[in-house]
Each structure stands twice: as structure tokens, then as C-alpha cells.
Amino acid sequence: GFVECESEGVARKAIKALQGTFLDGHKLQLQLSSKTVVADQPTLRKVSEKQKKLLVRNVPFQATRKELLQLFGAYGQLKQVRMPKKF
């Protein structure tokens, strides 16, 4: 899943505190999202904005959006939470 924080500082604080935390028996792996920016496409966000987004790996499918909001919201305001989808 992805969690977009209010600022890069909030994102880094959450990574430091929550790296390796267990959620429903799954050990979460966190890192700053590192999507590359192509200068030709003005619709993409600036690099500085992208550092606010966390990639959250190993999120269990049974986890709820509310659980992620509570877990990450303790470290600052969140802009968006996207859950993984089961195919």
C-alpha cells in the first residue's frame, strides 16, 4: 500500500518508528516512494512532493484502511492512504 504524509519529516519519522512493526501478523517494510520524474510531463508531481509518500510492503489483505490511518496518523497528518488490492 501507500501512505502519503503531510511532509517529508512526518514520513521519515513514521519510517523510523514503524519499520518492522507487525500488523495482523505481518512485518511491515517501509520506504520512501521513489517514482522517477520525467521533465516532459507537467502533470507529474515535483520530486520534493514525492518524498512525502511511503511505500508500505507486506500489508496483510485483511488489514483495514482505518488500521493504517491509526498506525501512521500518530506521527502526523496524512493526506492519503491506498490499500493493496487482492487480485
N, C-alpha and C. Protein backbone atom coordinates (compact mmCIF):
# COMPACT_ATOMS: atom_id res chain seq x y z
N GLY A 1 0.81 -1.18 0.00
CA GLY A 1 0.00 0.00 0.00
C GLY A 1 0.86 1.25 0.00
N PHE A 2 0.22 2.38 -0.01
CA PHE A 2 0.91 3.66 0.04
C PHE A 2 0.27 4.55 1.08
N VAL A 3 1.10 5.31 1.77
CA VAL A 3 0.64 6.31 2.72
C VAL A 3 1.29 7.62 2.35
N GLU A 4 0.48 8.65 2.06
CA GLU A 4 1.03 9.97 1.74
C GLU A 4 0.90 10.85 2.96
N CYS A 5 2.03 11.35 3.43
CA CYS A 5 2.09 12.18 4.64
C CYS A 5 2.04 13.66 4.29
N GLU A 6 1.83 14.47 5.30
CA GLU A 6 1.75 15.92 5.13
C GLU A 6 3.11 16.50 4.70
N SER A 7 4.20 15.91 5.21
CA SER A 7 5.53 16.43 4.89
C SER A 7 6.54 15.28 4.89
N GLU A 8 7.72 15.55 4.34
CA GLU A 8 8.78 14.56 4.33
C GLU A 8 9.21 14.22 5.75
N GLY A 9 9.21 15.22 6.63
CA GLY A 9 9.59 14.99 8.03
C GLY A 9 8.68 13.98 8.71
N VAL A 10 7.39 14.09 8.46
CA VAL A 10 6.42 13.15 9.03
C VAL A 10 6.68 11.76 8.47
N ALA A 11 6.94 11.68 7.17
CA ALA A 11 7.20 10.39 6.53
C ALA A 11 8.44 9.72 7.13
N ARG A 12 9.50 10.48 7.29
CA ARG A 12 10.74 9.93 7.85
C ARG A 12 10.56 9.51 9.32
N LYS A 13 9.80 10.28 10.05
CA LYS A 13 9.51 9.96 11.45
C LYS A 13 8.73 8.64 11.55
N ALA A 14 7.76 8.47 10.68
CA ALA A 14 6.96 7.24 10.66
C ALA A 14 7.83 6.03 10.30
N ILE A 15 8.71 6.20 9.32
CA ILE A 15 9.60 5.09 8.94
C ILE A 15 10.47 4.69 10.12
N LYS A 16 11.07 5.67 10.76
CA LYS A 16 11.96 5.40 11.88
C LYS A 16 11.24 4.66 13.01
N ALA A 17 10.01 5.06 13.29
CA ALA A 17 9.26 4.48 14.41
C ALA A 17 8.59 3.15 14.06
N LEU A 18 8.17 2.98 12.81
CA LEU A 18 7.32 1.83 12.47
C LEU A 18 8.00 0.75 11.63
N GLN A 19 9.24 0.96 11.23
CA GLN A 19 9.94 -0.05 10.42
C GLN A 19 9.96 -1.38 11.17
N GLY A 20 9.46 -2.43 10.55
CA GLY A 20 9.46 -3.75 11.16
C GLY A 20 8.30 -4.02 12.11
N THR A 21 7.38 -3.06 12.23
CA THR A 21 6.20 -3.24 13.09
C THR A 21 5.32 -4.35 12.51
N PHE A 22 4.70 -5.12 13.38
CA PHE A 22 3.80 -6.18 12.92
C PHE A 22 2.36 -5.68 12.88
N LEU A 23 1.67 -6.00 11.79
CA LEU A 23 0.26 -5.67 11.62
C LEU A 23 -0.45 -6.95 11.19
N ASP A 24 -1.35 -7.45 12.02
CA ASP A 24 -2.06 -8.71 11.76
C ASP A 24 -1.09 -9.84 11.43
N GLY A 25 0.04 -9.89 12.16
CA GLY A 25 1.00 -10.97 11.97
C GLY A 25 1.96 -10.79 10.81
N HIS A 26 1.91 -9.66 10.13
CA HIS A 26 2.80 -9.38 9.00
C HIS A 26 3.77 -8.27 9.40
N LYS A 27 5.06 -8.48 9.15
CA LYS A 27 6.08 -7.47 9.45
C LYS A 27 6.12 -6.45 8.31
N LEU A 28 5.79 -5.19 8.64
CA LEU A 28 5.74 -4.13 7.62
C LEU A 28 7.14 -3.70 7.20
N GLN A 29 7.29 -3.43 5.92
CA GLN A 29 8.53 -2.90 5.37
C GLN A 29 8.21 -1.54 4.77
N LEU A 30 8.89 -0.50 5.26
CA LEU A 30 8.58 0.86 4.85
C LEU A 30 9.77 1.49 4.12
N GLN A 31 9.45 2.29 3.10
CA GLN A 31 10.48 3.10 2.44
C GLN A 31 9.81 4.26 1.74
N LEU A 32 10.58 5.32 1.52
CA LEU A 32 10.05 6.46 0.77
C LEU A 32 9.83 6.02 -0.66
N SER A 33 8.73 6.42 -1.24
CA SER A 33 8.43 6.10 -2.62
C SER A 33 9.45 6.80 -3.50
N SER A 34 9.92 6.12 -4.52
CA SER A 34 10.98 6.70 -5.36
C SER A 34 10.61 6.67 -6.84
N LYS A 35 9.40 7.07 -7.15
CA LYS A 35 8.97 7.14 -8.54
C LYS A 35 9.76 8.24 -9.24
N THR A 36 10.27 7.94 -10.42
CA THR A 36 11.08 8.91 -11.14
C THR A 36 10.20 9.96 -11.81
N VAL A 37 10.75 11.15 -11.94
CA VAL A 37 10.02 12.26 -12.56
C VAL A 37 10.57 12.48 -13.96
N VAL A 38 9.67 12.58 -14.94
CA VAL A 38 10.06 12.88 -16.31
C VAL A 38 9.72 14.34 -16.56
N ALA A 39 10.71 15.13 -16.95
CA ALA A 39 10.54 16.57 -17.11
C ALA A 39 9.52 16.94 -18.19
N ASP A 40 9.31 16.06 -19.17
CA ASP A 40 8.40 16.36 -20.28
C ASP A 40 6.93 16.34 -19.86
N GLN A 41 6.63 15.72 -18.75
CA GLN A 41 5.24 15.55 -18.35
C GLN A 41 4.89 16.47 -17.18
N PRO A 42 4.23 17.61 -17.47
CA PRO A 42 3.92 18.59 -16.42
C PRO A 42 2.89 18.10 -15.40
N THR A 43 2.20 17.01 -15.70
CA THR A 43 1.17 16.52 -14.77
C THR A 43 1.77 15.77 -13.58
N LEU A 44 3.02 15.33 -13.70
CA LEU A 44 3.65 14.63 -12.58
C LEU A 44 4.03 15.61 -11.48
N ARG A 45 4.04 15.13 -10.25
CA ARG A 45 4.39 15.98 -9.12
C ARG A 45 5.88 16.25 -9.08
N LYS A 46 6.26 17.25 -8.35
CA LYS A 46 7.66 17.57 -8.17
C LYS A 46 8.31 16.52 -7.28
N VAL A 47 9.63 16.38 -7.39
CA VAL A 47 10.37 15.39 -6.61
C VAL A 47 10.17 15.61 -5.12
N SER A 48 10.18 16.85 -4.65
CA SER A 48 10.04 17.13 -3.23
C SER A 48 8.70 16.64 -2.68
N GLU A 49 7.66 16.70 -3.49
CA GLU A 49 6.36 16.21 -3.05
C GLU A 49 6.34 14.69 -2.95
N LYS A 50 7.08 14.02 -3.81
CA LYS A 50 7.08 12.57 -3.83
C LYS A 50 7.71 11.99 -2.56
N GLN A 51 8.58 12.73 -1.92
CA GLN A 51 9.23 12.23 -0.73
C GLN A 51 8.28 12.16 0.46
N LYS A 52 7.07 12.60 0.29
CA LYS A 52 6.06 12.53 1.33
C LYS A 52 5.35 11.18 1.32
N LYS A 53 5.51 10.44 0.24
CA LYS A 53 4.77 9.20 0.07
C LYS A 53 5.61 8.01 0.51
N LEU A 54 5.00 7.16 1.32
CA LEU A 54 5.66 5.95 1.80
C LEU A 54 5.13 4.73 1.07
N LEU A 55 6.02 3.86 0.70
CA LEU A 55 5.65 2.57 0.17
C LEU A 55 5.61 1.62 1.37
N VAL A 56 4.46 0.99 1.59
CA VAL A 56 4.29 0.08 2.73
C VAL A 56 4.12 -1.32 2.17
N ARG A 57 5.15 -2.14 2.36
CA ARG A 57 5.11 -3.51 1.84
C ARG A 57 4.67 -4.48 2.91
N ASN A 58 4.16 -5.61 2.44
CA ASN A 58 3.75 -6.72 3.31
C ASN A 58 2.53 -6.39 4.15
N VAL A 59 1.66 -5.52 3.63
CA VAL A 59 0.40 -5.20 4.33
C VAL A 59 -0.54 -6.38 4.12
N PRO A 60 -1.06 -6.96 5.18
CA PRO A 60 -1.98 -8.09 5.01
C PRO A 60 -3.28 -7.65 4.33
N PHE A 61 -3.85 -8.52 3.52
CA PHE A 61 -5.08 -8.18 2.81
C PHE A 61 -6.24 -7.94 3.76
N GLN A 62 -6.21 -8.57 4.94
CA GLN A 62 -7.30 -8.39 5.90
C GLN A 62 -7.17 -7.08 6.69
N ALA A 63 -6.05 -6.37 6.57
CA ALA A 63 -5.89 -5.08 7.26
C ALA A 63 -6.86 -4.07 6.67
N THR A 64 -7.33 -3.17 7.52
CA THR A 64 -8.28 -2.16 7.06
C THR A 64 -7.59 -0.80 6.88
N ARG A 65 -8.23 0.05 6.13
CA ARG A 65 -7.73 1.42 5.93
C ARG A 65 -7.66 2.14 7.28
N LYS A 66 -8.65 1.89 8.13
CA LYS A 66 -8.71 2.52 9.45
C LYS A 66 -7.49 2.13 10.29
N GLU A 67 -7.05 0.88 10.20
CA GLU A 67 -5.87 0.44 10.95
C GLU A 67 -4.62 1.20 10.50
N LEU A 68 -4.47 1.36 9.18
CA LEU A 68 -3.30 2.10 8.68
C LEU A 68 -3.38 3.58 9.07
N LEU A 69 -4.58 4.15 9.01
CA LEU A 69 -4.75 5.55 9.42
C LEU A 69 -4.35 5.74 10.88
N GLN A 70 -4.76 4.83 11.75
CA GLN A 70 -4.41 4.92 13.17
C GLN A 70 -2.91 4.74 13.38
N LEU A 71 -2.33 3.76 12.70
CA LEU A 71 -0.92 3.45 12.86
C LEU A 71 -0.02 4.61 12.42
N PHE A 72 -0.27 5.15 11.23
CA PHE A 72 0.58 6.21 10.69
C PHE A 72 0.14 7.60 11.14
N GLY A 73 -1.12 7.77 11.44
CA GLY A 73 -1.64 9.07 11.87
C GLY A 73 -1.05 9.54 13.20
N ALA A 74 -0.50 8.64 13.98
CA ALA A 74 0.12 9.01 15.25
C ALA A 74 1.38 9.85 15.04
N TYR A 75 1.93 9.87 13.83
CA TYR A 75 3.18 10.58 13.55
C TYR A 75 2.98 11.87 12.77
N GLY A 76 1.75 12.22 12.47
CA GLY A 76 1.45 13.45 11.76
C GLY A 76 0.25 13.28 10.85
N GLN A 77 -0.15 14.38 10.24
CA GLN A 77 -1.32 14.36 9.37
C GLN A 77 -1.03 13.60 8.08
N LEU A 78 -2.03 12.82 7.66
CA LEU A 78 -1.92 12.05 6.43
C LEU A 78 -2.80 12.67 5.36
N LYS A 79 -2.33 12.61 4.12
CA LYS A 79 -3.12 13.12 3.00
C LYS A 79 -3.91 12.03 2.32
N GLN A 80 -3.32 10.82 2.25
CA GLN A 80 -3.97 9.76 1.51
C GLN A 80 -3.43 8.40 1.98
N VAL A 81 -4.29 7.39 1.98
CA VAL A 81 -3.89 6.02 2.26
C VAL A 81 -4.49 5.13 1.17
N ARG A 82 -3.63 4.37 0.51
CA ARG A 82 -4.09 3.43 -0.52
C ARG A 82 -3.74 2.02 -0.09
N MET A 83 -4.73 1.18 -0.06
CA MET A 83 -4.57 -0.20 0.38
C MET A 83 -4.25 -1.10 -0.81
N PRO A 84 -3.54 -2.21 -0.55
CA PRO A 84 -3.31 -3.17 -1.64
C PRO A 84 -4.61 -3.86 -1.99
N LYS A 85 -4.75 -4.26 -3.25
CA LYS A 85 -5.94 -4.95 -3.70
C LYS A 85 -5.61 -6.42 -3.97
N LYS A 86 -6.51 -7.28 -3.59
CA LYS A 86 -6.33 -8.70 -3.85
C LYS A 86 -6.88 -8.99 -5.24
N PHE A 87 -6.07 -9.61 -6.07
CA PHE A 87 -6.48 -9.89 -7.46
C PHE A 87 -7.12 -11.25 -7.57
